[in-house]
Amino acid sequence: MYAPPVPWGLKRYQQARELHFITFSCYRRQPLLSSSGAKQLIEAALEQARRQYGFYVTGYVIMPEHVHLLVSEPERATLARALQALKQSVARRLIGTGEHFWQARYYDFNVWTKKKRIEKLRYMHRNPVKRGLVDKPEDWAWSSFRHYLTGEEGVVEIESEWTARKRERMGIRPQVKIVENPHPSKPGLGGAPQYDGK
């Protein structure tokens, strides 16, 4: 599949059926997502994109000037296409056309191991505390932290053990099977969790 050009030195491993730690920012890092309404709009657009393109959201946080996501690769498009649709949807609703809302590119880091997945989730969930926006991660309403803490369901469906147990109680066959595969650039290592789609 076509992948948009990336800056020199940046390698993207896509279609590897792995999790991706994504960061995208508002234009010139302006705090365009400061209002509760803007953050709620991002959550709604993320859930809509998740359903439309068929990817899993493992975690997220919405900050005043950027967004972090931990997501699987979409079943029905490239990751770049799903992110473009998400960003365009939000920009149109918040400013219309003709003005800049988002920086053009996004940061994409493949998450190959369980250790790295936990590291990225902790980083995201602690971001509002580190920035002095709240005292505790659970005080920030626009992240997946409370889901992991209590199983609380929010606007965005989070792929977690809580969600898997809920599906089992409802008699729904698991949608995701985690399998271990090594990082393509580091053969022989223990591997990483992957979404098998079965």
N, C-alpha and C. Protein backbone atom coordinates (compact mmCIF):
# COMPACT_ATOMS: atom_id res chain seq x y z
N MET A 1 0.83 -1.19 0.00
CA MET A 1 0.00 0.00 0.00
C MET A 1 0.87 1.25 0.00
N TYR A 2 0.34 2.32 -0.50
CA TYR A 2 1.06 3.59 -0.55
C TYR A 2 1.23 4.15 0.85
N ALA A 3 2.40 4.60 1.17
CA ALA A 3 2.66 5.30 2.43
C ALA A 3 3.21 6.67 2.07
N PRO A 4 2.70 7.71 2.72
CA PRO A 4 3.18 9.06 2.41
C PRO A 4 4.66 9.19 2.73
N PRO A 5 5.35 10.12 2.05
CA PRO A 5 6.77 10.29 2.31
C PRO A 5 7.01 10.69 3.76
N VAL A 6 8.11 10.23 4.31
CA VAL A 6 8.44 10.56 5.69
C VAL A 6 9.77 11.30 5.72
N PRO A 7 10.03 12.06 6.78
CA PRO A 7 11.29 12.80 6.86
C PRO A 7 12.49 11.87 6.84
N TRP A 8 13.64 12.39 6.42
CA TRP A 8 14.88 11.62 6.40
C TRP A 8 15.13 11.05 7.78
N GLY A 9 15.54 9.79 7.82
CA GLY A 9 15.89 9.15 9.09
C GLY A 9 14.73 8.53 9.83
N LEU A 10 13.51 8.79 9.42
CA LEU A 10 12.35 8.24 10.10
C LEU A 10 11.87 7.02 9.33
N LYS A 11 11.87 5.86 10.00
CA LYS A 11 11.37 4.64 9.38
C LYS A 11 10.06 4.28 10.02
N ARG A 12 9.08 3.98 9.20
CA ARG A 12 7.80 3.55 9.71
C ARG A 12 7.58 2.10 9.33
N TYR A 13 7.32 1.28 10.32
CA TYR A 13 6.99 -0.11 10.08
C TYR A 13 5.47 -0.23 10.17
N GLN A 14 4.84 -0.20 9.02
CA GLN A 14 3.39 -0.34 8.99
C GLN A 14 3.03 -1.64 8.28
N GLN A 15 1.81 -2.04 8.47
CA GLN A 15 1.31 -3.33 8.01
C GLN A 15 2.11 -4.46 8.65
N ALA A 16 2.60 -4.22 9.86
CA ALA A 16 3.31 -5.24 10.62
C ALA A 16 2.38 -5.85 11.67
N ARG A 17 1.13 -5.38 11.70
CA ARG A 17 0.10 -5.85 12.63
C ARG A 17 0.55 -5.66 14.07
N GLU A 18 1.12 -4.51 14.36
CA GLU A 18 1.61 -4.16 15.68
C GLU A 18 0.86 -2.95 16.20
N LEU A 19 1.07 -2.66 17.48
CA LEU A 19 0.56 -1.42 18.05
C LEU A 19 1.46 -0.27 17.63
N HIS A 20 0.86 0.91 17.54
CA HIS A 20 1.59 2.12 17.19
C HIS A 20 1.33 3.18 18.25
N PHE A 21 2.42 3.78 18.73
CA PHE A 21 2.31 4.93 19.62
C PHE A 21 2.36 6.16 18.73
N ILE A 22 1.26 6.88 18.66
CA ILE A 22 1.10 8.01 17.74
C ILE A 22 1.03 9.31 18.52
N THR A 23 1.68 10.33 18.02
CA THR A 23 1.55 11.68 18.56
C THR A 23 1.29 12.63 17.40
N PHE A 24 0.24 13.44 17.53
CA PHE A 24 0.06 14.52 16.57
C PHE A 24 -0.29 15.79 17.33
N SER A 25 0.13 16.91 16.78
CA SER A 25 0.08 18.19 17.48
C SER A 25 -0.74 19.23 16.74
N CYS A 26 -1.24 20.16 17.51
CA CYS A 26 -1.93 21.31 16.92
C CYS A 26 -0.90 22.19 16.19
N TYR A 27 -1.39 22.97 15.27
CA TYR A 27 -0.53 23.83 14.46
C TYR A 27 0.32 24.72 15.36
N ARG A 28 1.63 24.65 15.14
CA ARG A 28 2.62 25.41 15.90
C ARG A 28 2.46 25.23 17.41
N ARG A 29 1.98 24.04 17.80
CA ARG A 29 1.80 23.66 19.21
C ARG A 29 0.92 24.64 19.98
N GLN A 30 -0.01 25.24 19.29
CA GLN A 30 -0.96 26.13 19.95
C GLN A 30 -1.94 25.29 20.78
N PRO A 31 -2.41 25.79 21.91
CA PRO A 31 -3.34 25.03 22.77
C PRO A 31 -4.78 25.07 22.23
N LEU A 32 -4.97 24.56 21.02
CA LEU A 32 -6.28 24.61 20.37
C LEU A 32 -7.26 23.59 20.95
N LEU A 33 -6.76 22.69 21.81
CA LEU A 33 -7.61 21.68 22.44
C LEU A 33 -7.80 21.97 23.93
N SER A 34 -7.69 23.21 24.32
CA SER A 34 -7.80 23.58 25.73
C SER A 34 -9.20 23.41 26.29
N SER A 35 -10.21 23.66 25.48
CA SER A 35 -11.58 23.60 26.00
C SER A 35 -12.06 22.16 26.16
N SER A 36 -12.96 21.97 27.10
CA SER A 36 -13.56 20.65 27.30
C SER A 36 -14.27 20.20 26.03
N GLY A 37 -14.94 21.13 25.36
CA GLY A 37 -15.66 20.80 24.13
C GLY A 37 -14.75 20.27 23.04
N ALA A 38 -13.58 20.87 22.89
CA ALA A 38 -12.62 20.41 21.87
C ALA A 38 -12.13 19.01 22.20
N LYS A 39 -11.84 18.75 23.48
CA LYS A 39 -11.37 17.43 23.88
C LYS A 39 -12.47 16.38 23.70
N GLN A 40 -13.70 16.74 24.00
CA GLN A 40 -14.82 15.82 23.79
C GLN A 40 -15.02 15.52 22.31
N LEU A 41 -14.80 16.52 21.48
CA LEU A 41 -14.90 16.32 20.03
C LEU A 41 -13.83 15.34 19.53
N ILE A 42 -12.62 15.45 20.05
CA ILE A 42 -11.55 14.51 19.69
C ILE A 42 -11.97 13.09 20.08
N GLU A 43 -12.49 12.93 21.29
CA GLU A 43 -12.91 11.59 21.73
C GLU A 43 -13.98 11.01 20.81
N ALA A 44 -14.96 11.82 20.47
CA ALA A 44 -16.03 11.35 19.58
C ALA A 44 -15.48 10.99 18.20
N ALA A 45 -14.58 11.81 17.68
CA ALA A 45 -13.99 11.55 16.36
C ALA A 45 -13.10 10.31 16.39
N LEU A 46 -12.39 10.10 17.50
CA LEU A 46 -11.54 8.92 17.64
C LEU A 46 -12.40 7.65 17.65
N GLU A 47 -13.50 7.68 18.39
CA GLU A 47 -14.39 6.51 18.42
C GLU A 47 -15.02 6.26 17.05
N GLN A 48 -15.41 7.32 16.37
CA GLN A 48 -15.97 7.18 15.02
C GLN A 48 -14.93 6.57 14.06
N ALA A 49 -13.70 7.05 14.12
CA ALA A 49 -12.64 6.51 13.26
C ALA A 49 -12.34 5.06 13.63
N ARG A 50 -12.34 4.74 14.93
CA ARG A 50 -12.08 3.37 15.38
C ARG A 50 -13.09 2.41 14.75
N ARG A 51 -14.36 2.80 14.78
CA ARG A 51 -15.40 1.94 14.21
C ARG A 51 -15.31 1.88 12.68
N GLN A 52 -15.13 3.04 12.06
CA GLN A 52 -15.12 3.11 10.60
C GLN A 52 -13.96 2.34 9.98
N TYR A 53 -12.76 2.47 10.57
CA TYR A 53 -11.57 1.88 9.98
C TYR A 53 -11.16 0.55 10.62
N GLY A 54 -11.81 0.18 11.72
CA GLY A 54 -11.55 -1.12 12.32
C GLY A 54 -10.21 -1.25 13.00
N PHE A 55 -9.87 -0.31 13.89
CA PHE A 55 -8.66 -0.47 14.68
C PHE A 55 -9.01 -0.50 16.16
N TYR A 56 -8.07 -0.93 16.97
CA TYR A 56 -8.26 -0.99 18.40
C TYR A 56 -7.51 0.15 19.06
N VAL A 57 -8.13 0.74 20.07
CA VAL A 57 -7.48 1.77 20.85
C VAL A 57 -7.08 1.14 22.18
N THR A 58 -5.79 1.08 22.42
CA THR A 58 -5.29 0.52 23.66
C THR A 58 -5.14 1.61 24.71
N GLY A 59 -4.91 2.84 24.28
CA GLY A 59 -4.81 3.95 25.22
C GLY A 59 -4.76 5.27 24.48
N TYR A 60 -5.06 6.35 25.22
CA TYR A 60 -4.99 7.69 24.63
C TYR A 60 -4.95 8.73 25.73
N VAL A 61 -4.49 9.91 25.37
CA VAL A 61 -4.62 11.10 26.20
C VAL A 61 -4.73 12.29 25.26
N ILE A 62 -5.61 13.21 25.61
CA ILE A 62 -5.78 14.44 24.83
C ILE A 62 -5.28 15.59 25.69
N MET A 63 -4.24 16.23 25.21
CA MET A 63 -3.62 17.35 25.91
C MET A 63 -4.07 18.65 25.22
N PRO A 64 -3.80 19.81 25.83
CA PRO A 64 -4.26 21.07 25.22
C PRO A 64 -3.71 21.34 23.82
N GLU A 65 -2.49 20.83 23.50
CA GLU A 65 -1.90 21.11 22.19
C GLU A 65 -1.45 19.88 21.42
N HIS A 66 -1.70 18.68 21.96
CA HIS A 66 -1.34 17.47 21.23
C HIS A 66 -2.16 16.29 21.73
N VAL A 67 -2.07 15.19 20.97
CA VAL A 67 -2.80 13.96 21.29
C VAL A 67 -1.81 12.79 21.19
N HIS A 68 -1.90 11.88 22.16
CA HIS A 68 -1.15 10.63 22.12
C HIS A 68 -2.15 9.49 21.97
N LEU A 69 -1.86 8.55 21.09
CA LEU A 69 -2.69 7.36 20.91
C LEU A 69 -1.81 6.12 20.94
N LEU A 70 -2.35 5.02 21.45
CA LEU A 70 -1.73 3.71 21.32
C LEU A 70 -2.78 2.85 20.65
N VAL A 71 -2.56 2.57 19.36
CA VAL A 71 -3.59 1.93 18.53
C VAL A 71 -3.01 0.81 17.68
N SER A 72 -3.91 -0.09 17.26
CA SER A 72 -3.52 -1.12 16.30
C SER A 72 -3.62 -0.53 14.89
N GLU A 73 -3.15 -1.29 13.93
CA GLU A 73 -3.31 -0.87 12.54
C GLU A 73 -4.75 -1.15 12.10
N PRO A 74 -5.32 -0.27 11.31
CA PRO A 74 -6.71 -0.45 10.87
C PRO A 74 -6.88 -1.65 9.95
N GLU A 75 -8.05 -2.24 10.02
CA GLU A 75 -8.40 -3.34 9.13
C GLU A 75 -8.80 -2.85 7.75
N ARG A 76 -9.36 -1.63 7.67
CA ARG A 76 -9.96 -1.18 6.42
C ARG A 76 -9.26 0.01 5.76
N ALA A 77 -8.06 0.32 6.14
CA ALA A 77 -7.31 1.42 5.52
C ALA A 77 -5.91 1.42 6.10
N THR A 78 -5.09 2.34 5.62
CA THR A 78 -3.78 2.51 6.25
C THR A 78 -3.95 3.34 7.51
N LEU A 79 -2.97 3.25 8.38
CA LEU A 79 -2.98 4.06 9.58
C LEU A 79 -2.96 5.55 9.23
N ALA A 80 -2.18 5.91 8.24
CA ALA A 80 -2.11 7.31 7.81
C ALA A 80 -3.48 7.81 7.37
N ARG A 81 -4.22 7.00 6.63
CA ARG A 81 -5.55 7.40 6.15
C ARG A 81 -6.52 7.56 7.31
N ALA A 82 -6.50 6.64 8.28
CA ALA A 82 -7.40 6.74 9.43
C ALA A 82 -7.09 7.98 10.26
N LEU A 83 -5.80 8.28 10.45
CA LEU A 83 -5.43 9.48 11.21
C LEU A 83 -5.81 10.75 10.46
N GLN A 84 -5.64 10.74 9.15
CA GLN A 84 -6.03 11.89 8.34
C GLN A 84 -7.53 12.16 8.49
N ALA A 85 -8.34 11.13 8.42
CA ALA A 85 -9.79 11.29 8.56
C ALA A 85 -10.15 11.82 9.94
N LEU A 86 -9.50 11.30 10.97
CA LEU A 86 -9.74 11.77 12.34
C LEU A 86 -9.40 13.25 12.47
N LYS A 87 -8.22 13.63 12.00
CA LYS A 87 -7.77 15.02 12.12
C LYS A 87 -8.64 15.96 11.30
N GLN A 88 -9.01 15.57 10.09
CA GLN A 88 -9.85 16.42 9.24
C GLN A 88 -11.23 16.62 9.86
N SER A 89 -11.79 15.57 10.42
CA SER A 89 -13.10 15.66 11.05
C SER A 89 -13.10 16.69 12.17
N VAL A 90 -12.08 16.65 13.00
CA VAL A 90 -11.98 17.58 14.13
C VAL A 90 -11.74 19.01 13.63
N ALA A 91 -10.82 19.16 12.68
CA ALA A 91 -10.49 20.50 12.18
C ALA A 91 -11.71 21.17 11.55
N ARG A 92 -12.46 20.42 10.74
CA ARG A 92 -13.65 20.99 10.09
C ARG A 92 -14.66 21.49 11.12
N ARG A 93 -14.83 20.74 12.18
CA ARG A 93 -15.83 21.11 13.18
C ARG A 93 -15.38 22.27 14.05
N LEU A 94 -14.08 22.36 14.28
CA LEU A 94 -13.60 23.42 15.18
C LEU A 94 -13.26 24.73 14.48
N ILE A 95 -12.77 24.66 13.24
CA ILE A 95 -12.40 25.92 12.58
C ILE A 95 -12.90 26.05 11.16
N GLY A 96 -13.46 25.00 10.60
CA GLY A 96 -13.89 25.06 9.21
C GLY A 96 -12.70 24.84 8.28
N THR A 97 -12.77 25.40 7.09
CA THR A 97 -11.69 25.20 6.12
C THR A 97 -10.87 26.47 5.97
N GLY A 98 -9.69 26.34 5.43
CA GLY A 98 -8.87 27.51 5.12
C GLY A 98 -7.86 27.88 6.18
N GLU A 99 -8.03 27.42 7.41
CA GLU A 99 -7.07 27.73 8.46
C GLU A 99 -6.33 26.47 8.86
N HIS A 100 -5.17 26.65 9.46
CA HIS A 100 -4.40 25.51 9.94
C HIS A 100 -4.88 25.14 11.33
N PHE A 101 -5.08 23.86 11.56
CA PHE A 101 -5.42 23.38 12.90
C PHE A 101 -4.37 22.40 13.41
N TRP A 102 -3.90 21.49 12.53
CA TRP A 102 -2.94 20.46 12.92
C TRP A 102 -1.60 20.67 12.22
N GLN A 103 -0.54 20.24 12.86
CA GLN A 103 0.74 20.10 12.19
C GLN A 103 0.57 19.03 11.12
N ALA A 104 1.31 19.13 10.04
CA ALA A 104 1.12 18.25 8.89
C ALA A 104 1.47 16.79 9.18
N ARG A 105 2.46 16.54 9.96
CA ARG A 105 2.93 15.16 10.16
C ARG A 105 2.50 14.64 11.53
N TYR A 106 2.79 13.37 11.74
CA TYR A 106 2.57 12.76 13.05
C TYR A 106 3.76 11.88 13.38
N TYR A 107 3.97 11.66 14.67
CA TYR A 107 5.04 10.79 15.14
C TYR A 107 4.46 9.39 15.30
N ASP A 108 5.17 8.37 14.83
CA ASP A 108 4.70 6.99 14.86
C ASP A 108 5.83 6.11 15.37
N PHE A 109 5.59 5.45 16.49
CA PHE A 109 6.58 4.56 17.09
C PHE A 109 5.95 3.18 17.24
N ASN A 110 6.55 2.16 16.62
CA ASN A 110 6.03 0.80 16.75
C ASN A 110 6.32 0.27 18.15
N VAL A 111 5.30 -0.34 18.73
CA VAL A 111 5.40 -0.90 20.06
C VAL A 111 5.50 -2.42 19.92
N TRP A 112 6.69 -2.96 20.15
CA TRP A 112 6.98 -4.36 19.85
C TRP A 112 6.86 -5.28 21.05
N THR A 113 6.92 -4.74 22.27
CA THR A 113 6.94 -5.60 23.45
C THR A 113 5.91 -5.14 24.47
N LYS A 114 5.56 -6.07 25.36
CA LYS A 114 4.64 -5.75 26.45
C LYS A 114 5.24 -4.66 27.34
N LYS A 115 6.54 -4.75 27.61
CA LYS A 115 7.22 -3.74 28.43
C LYS A 115 7.08 -2.35 27.81
N LYS A 116 7.27 -2.26 26.50
CA LYS A 116 7.17 -0.96 25.83
C LYS A 116 5.72 -0.47 25.82
N ARG A 117 4.75 -1.38 25.67
CA ARG A 117 3.33 -1.00 25.71
C ARG A 117 2.99 -0.37 27.05
N ILE A 118 3.43 -1.00 28.13
CA ILE A 118 3.18 -0.47 29.48
C ILE A 118 3.88 0.87 29.66
N GLU A 119 5.11 0.97 29.17
CA GLU A 119 5.86 2.24 29.25
C GLU A 119 5.10 3.37 28.56
N LYS A 120 4.58 3.11 27.36
CA LYS A 120 3.87 4.15 26.61
C LYS A 120 2.55 4.51 27.29
N LEU A 121 1.83 3.52 27.83
CA LEU A 121 0.59 3.81 28.56
C LEU A 121 0.88 4.69 29.77
N ARG A 122 1.90 4.35 30.52
CA ARG A 122 2.26 5.15 31.70
C ARG A 122 2.64 6.57 31.30
N TYR A 123 3.43 6.68 30.24
CA TYR A 123 3.83 8.01 29.76
C TYR A 123 2.60 8.85 29.43
N MET A 124 1.67 8.27 28.65
CA MET A 124 0.46 9.01 28.27
C MET A 124 -0.34 9.43 29.49
N HIS A 125 -0.61 8.47 30.37
CA HIS A 125 -1.49 8.73 31.50
C HIS A 125 -0.89 9.69 32.52
N ARG A 126 0.44 9.74 32.58
CA ARG A 126 1.10 10.66 33.53
C ARG A 126 1.35 12.04 32.91
N ASN A 127 1.14 12.18 31.62
CA ASN A 127 1.42 13.44 30.94
C ASN A 127 0.68 14.63 31.56
N PRO A 128 -0.63 14.54 31.85
CA PRO A 128 -1.32 15.69 32.46
C PRO A 128 -0.77 16.04 33.85
N VAL A 129 -0.33 15.04 34.61
CA VAL A 129 0.25 15.29 35.94
C VAL A 129 1.60 15.98 35.79
N LYS A 130 2.42 15.45 34.90
CA LYS A 130 3.75 16.02 34.66
C LYS A 130 3.65 17.48 34.24
N ARG A 131 2.63 17.79 33.46
CA ARG A 131 2.44 19.17 32.98
C ARG A 131 1.78 20.08 34.02
N GLY A 132 1.37 19.52 35.17
CA GLY A 132 0.76 20.32 36.22
C GLY A 132 -0.71 20.64 35.98
N LEU A 133 -1.36 19.90 35.10
CA LEU A 133 -2.78 20.14 34.80
C LEU A 133 -3.70 19.52 35.85
N VAL A 134 -3.25 18.42 36.46
CA VAL A 134 -3.99 17.74 37.53
C VAL A 134 -2.98 17.15 38.52
N ASP A 135 -3.49 16.72 39.69
CA ASP A 135 -2.62 16.12 40.69
C ASP A 135 -2.43 14.62 40.49
N LYS A 136 -3.47 13.96 39.96
CA LYS A 136 -3.43 12.51 39.77
C LYS A 136 -3.96 12.18 38.38
N PRO A 137 -3.46 11.09 37.76
CA PRO A 137 -3.92 10.74 36.41
C PRO A 137 -5.43 10.56 36.30
N GLU A 138 -6.06 10.02 37.35
CA GLU A 138 -7.51 9.81 37.30
C GLU A 138 -8.32 11.11 37.31
N ASP A 139 -7.66 12.23 37.61
CA ASP A 139 -8.35 13.52 37.60
C ASP A 139 -8.47 14.11 36.20
N TRP A 140 -7.74 13.54 35.23
CA TRP A 140 -7.80 14.04 33.85
C TRP A 140 -8.85 13.23 33.09
N ALA A 141 -9.93 13.87 32.72
CA ALA A 141 -11.08 13.17 32.12
C ALA A 141 -10.82 12.67 30.70
N TRP A 142 -9.82 13.21 30.02
CA TRP A 142 -9.65 12.92 28.59
C TRP A 142 -8.48 11.98 28.34
N SER A 143 -8.54 10.83 28.98
CA SER A 143 -7.54 9.79 28.75
C SER A 143 -8.16 8.44 29.07
N SER A 144 -7.42 7.39 28.78
CA SER A 144 -7.88 6.03 29.05
C SER A 144 -7.53 5.56 30.46
N PHE A 145 -6.95 6.41 31.28
CA PHE A 145 -6.48 5.98 32.59
C PHE A 145 -7.60 5.40 33.46
N ARG A 146 -8.73 6.09 33.55
CA ARG A 146 -9.80 5.61 34.43
C ARG A 146 -10.35 4.27 33.97
N HIS A 147 -10.30 4.01 32.66
CA HIS A 147 -10.71 2.70 32.18
C HIS A 147 -9.80 1.62 32.76
N TYR A 148 -8.49 1.86 32.72
CA TYR A 148 -7.55 0.88 33.26
C TYR A 148 -7.67 0.75 34.78
N LEU A 149 -7.99 1.83 35.46
CA LEU A 149 -8.10 1.82 36.92
C LEU A 149 -9.34 1.07 37.39
N THR A 150 -10.48 1.31 36.72
CA THR A 150 -11.76 0.78 37.23
C THR A 150 -12.59 0.00 36.22
N GLY A 151 -12.20 0.04 34.95
CA GLY A 151 -13.02 -0.58 33.91
C GLY A 151 -14.10 0.36 33.40
N GLU A 152 -14.08 1.60 33.85
CA GLU A 152 -15.07 2.60 33.44
C GLU A 152 -15.11 2.72 31.92
N GLU A 153 -16.31 2.68 31.37
CA GLU A 153 -16.46 2.85 29.93
C GLU A 153 -16.64 4.32 29.61
N GLY A 154 -15.96 4.76 28.59
CA GLY A 154 -16.07 6.15 28.18
C GLY A 154 -16.54 6.23 26.74
N VAL A 155 -16.32 7.35 26.13
CA VAL A 155 -16.72 7.57 24.75
C VAL A 155 -15.95 6.64 23.82
N VAL A 156 -14.66 6.45 24.09
CA VAL A 156 -13.79 5.63 23.25
C VAL A 156 -13.70 4.22 23.85
N GLU A 157 -13.97 3.21 23.03
CA GLU A 157 -13.81 1.84 23.51
C GLU A 157 -12.33 1.51 23.57
N ILE A 158 -11.89 1.08 24.76
CA ILE A 158 -10.49 0.73 24.99
C ILE A 158 -10.35 -0.78 24.95
N GLU A 159 -9.37 -1.25 24.21
CA GLU A 159 -9.10 -2.68 24.13
C GLU A 159 -8.23 -3.05 25.33
N SER A 160 -8.82 -3.77 26.28
CA SER A 160 -8.13 -4.11 27.51
C SER A 160 -8.70 -5.40 28.07
N GLU A 161 -8.15 -5.84 29.20
CA GLU A 161 -8.68 -7.02 29.87
C GLU A 161 -10.11 -6.78 30.34
N TRP A 162 -10.42 -5.54 30.77
CA TRP A 162 -11.79 -5.20 31.19
C TRP A 162 -12.76 -5.45 30.03
N THR A 163 -12.40 -4.97 28.86
CA THR A 163 -13.25 -5.10 27.68
C THR A 163 -13.40 -6.56 27.28
N ALA A 164 -12.31 -7.31 27.35
CA ALA A 164 -12.35 -8.74 27.00
C ALA A 164 -13.28 -9.50 27.94
N ARG A 165 -13.19 -9.21 29.25
CA ARG A 165 -14.07 -9.89 30.21
C ARG A 165 -15.54 -9.54 29.97
N LYS A 166 -15.79 -8.29 29.63
CA LYS A 166 -17.17 -7.88 29.34
C LYS A 166 -17.71 -8.66 28.14
N ARG A 167 -16.90 -8.79 27.10
CA ARG A 167 -17.32 -9.54 25.92
C ARG A 167 -17.60 -11.01 26.27
N GLU A 168 -16.74 -11.59 27.10
CA GLU A 168 -16.94 -12.99 27.51
C GLU A 168 -18.27 -13.15 28.24
N ARG A 169 -18.59 -12.22 29.16
CA ARG A 169 -19.86 -12.28 29.89
C ARG A 169 -21.05 -12.18 28.95
N MET A 170 -20.87 -11.46 27.86
CA MET A 170 -21.95 -11.30 26.88
C MET A 170 -21.98 -12.45 25.88
N GLY A 171 -21.03 -13.39 26.00
CA GLY A 171 -20.99 -14.52 25.08
C GLY A 171 -20.41 -14.19 23.73
N ILE A 172 -19.64 -13.10 23.65
CA ILE A 172 -19.03 -12.68 22.39
C ILE A 172 -17.63 -13.29 22.31
N ARG A 173 -17.35 -13.92 21.20
CA ARG A 173 -16.04 -14.52 20.96
C ARG A 173 -14.97 -13.42 20.92
N PRO A 174 -13.81 -13.65 21.54
CA PRO A 174 -12.75 -12.63 21.51
C PRO A 174 -12.41 -12.22 20.09
N GLN A 175 -12.21 -10.92 19.89
CA GLN A 175 -11.89 -10.39 18.58
C GLN A 175 -10.39 -10.27 18.35
N VAL A 176 -9.63 -10.25 19.42
CA VAL A 176 -8.19 -10.02 19.32
C VAL A 176 -7.48 -11.16 20.02
N LYS A 177 -6.50 -11.71 19.35
CA LYS A 177 -5.64 -12.73 19.93
C LYS A 177 -4.23 -12.17 19.90
N ILE A 178 -3.60 -12.16 21.05
CA ILE A 178 -2.25 -11.64 21.13
C ILE A 178 -1.27 -12.77 20.82
N VAL A 179 -0.39 -12.53 19.85
CA VAL A 179 0.66 -13.49 19.51
C VAL A 179 2.00 -12.78 19.59
N GLU A 180 3.04 -13.53 19.86
CA GLU A 180 4.36 -12.94 20.00
C GLU A 180 5.14 -13.07 18.69
N ASN A 181 5.73 -11.98 18.22
CA ASN A 181 6.60 -11.97 17.04
C ASN A 181 7.77 -11.06 17.32
N PRO A 182 8.93 -11.36 16.81
CA PRO A 182 10.09 -10.49 17.03
C PRO A 182 10.00 -9.22 16.20
N HIS A 183 10.67 -8.21 16.67
CA HIS A 183 10.82 -6.95 15.95
C HIS A 183 11.56 -7.26 14.64
N PRO A 184 11.12 -6.73 13.49
CA PRO A 184 11.75 -7.07 12.22
C PRO A 184 13.22 -6.68 12.13
N SER A 185 13.63 -5.67 12.89
CA SER A 185 15.02 -5.25 12.80
C SER A 185 15.88 -5.91 13.88
N LYS A 186 15.26 -6.74 14.76
CA LYS A 186 15.99 -7.39 15.84
C LYS A 186 15.62 -8.86 15.92
N PRO A 187 16.03 -9.65 14.94
CA PRO A 187 15.67 -11.06 14.94
C PRO A 187 16.25 -11.78 16.16
N GLY A 188 15.48 -12.77 16.59
CA GLY A 188 15.94 -13.60 17.70
C GLY A 188 15.50 -13.10 19.06
N LEU A 189 14.93 -11.92 19.16
CA LEU A 189 14.45 -11.44 20.44
C LEU A 189 13.11 -12.07 20.76
N GLY A 190 12.67 -11.90 21.97
CA GLY A 190 11.47 -12.58 22.45
C GLY A 190 10.19 -12.20 21.74
N GLY A 191 10.17 -11.09 21.04
CA GLY A 191 8.98 -10.73 20.27
C GLY A 191 8.10 -9.75 21.00
N ALA A 192 6.95 -9.51 20.38
CA ALA A 192 6.02 -8.49 20.87
C ALA A 192 4.61 -8.94 20.67
N PRO A 193 3.69 -8.40 21.46
CA PRO A 193 2.29 -8.75 21.24
C PRO A 193 1.80 -8.19 19.92
N GLN A 194 1.04 -8.97 19.20
CA GLN A 194 0.47 -8.54 17.93
C GLN A 194 -1.01 -8.80 17.93
N TYR A 195 -1.73 -8.02 17.16
CA TYR A 195 -3.14 -8.27 16.97
C TYR A 195 -3.29 -9.25 15.82
N ASP A 196 -3.90 -10.39 16.12
CA ASP A 196 -4.04 -11.46 15.14
C ASP A 196 -5.33 -11.34 14.34
N GLY A 197 -6.33 -10.62 14.85
CA GLY A 197 -7.57 -10.41 14.12
C GLY A 197 -8.51 -11.61 14.15
N LYS A 198 -8.14 -12.70 14.79
CA LYS A 198 -9.00 -13.88 14.87
C LYS A 198 -9.88 -13.82 16.08
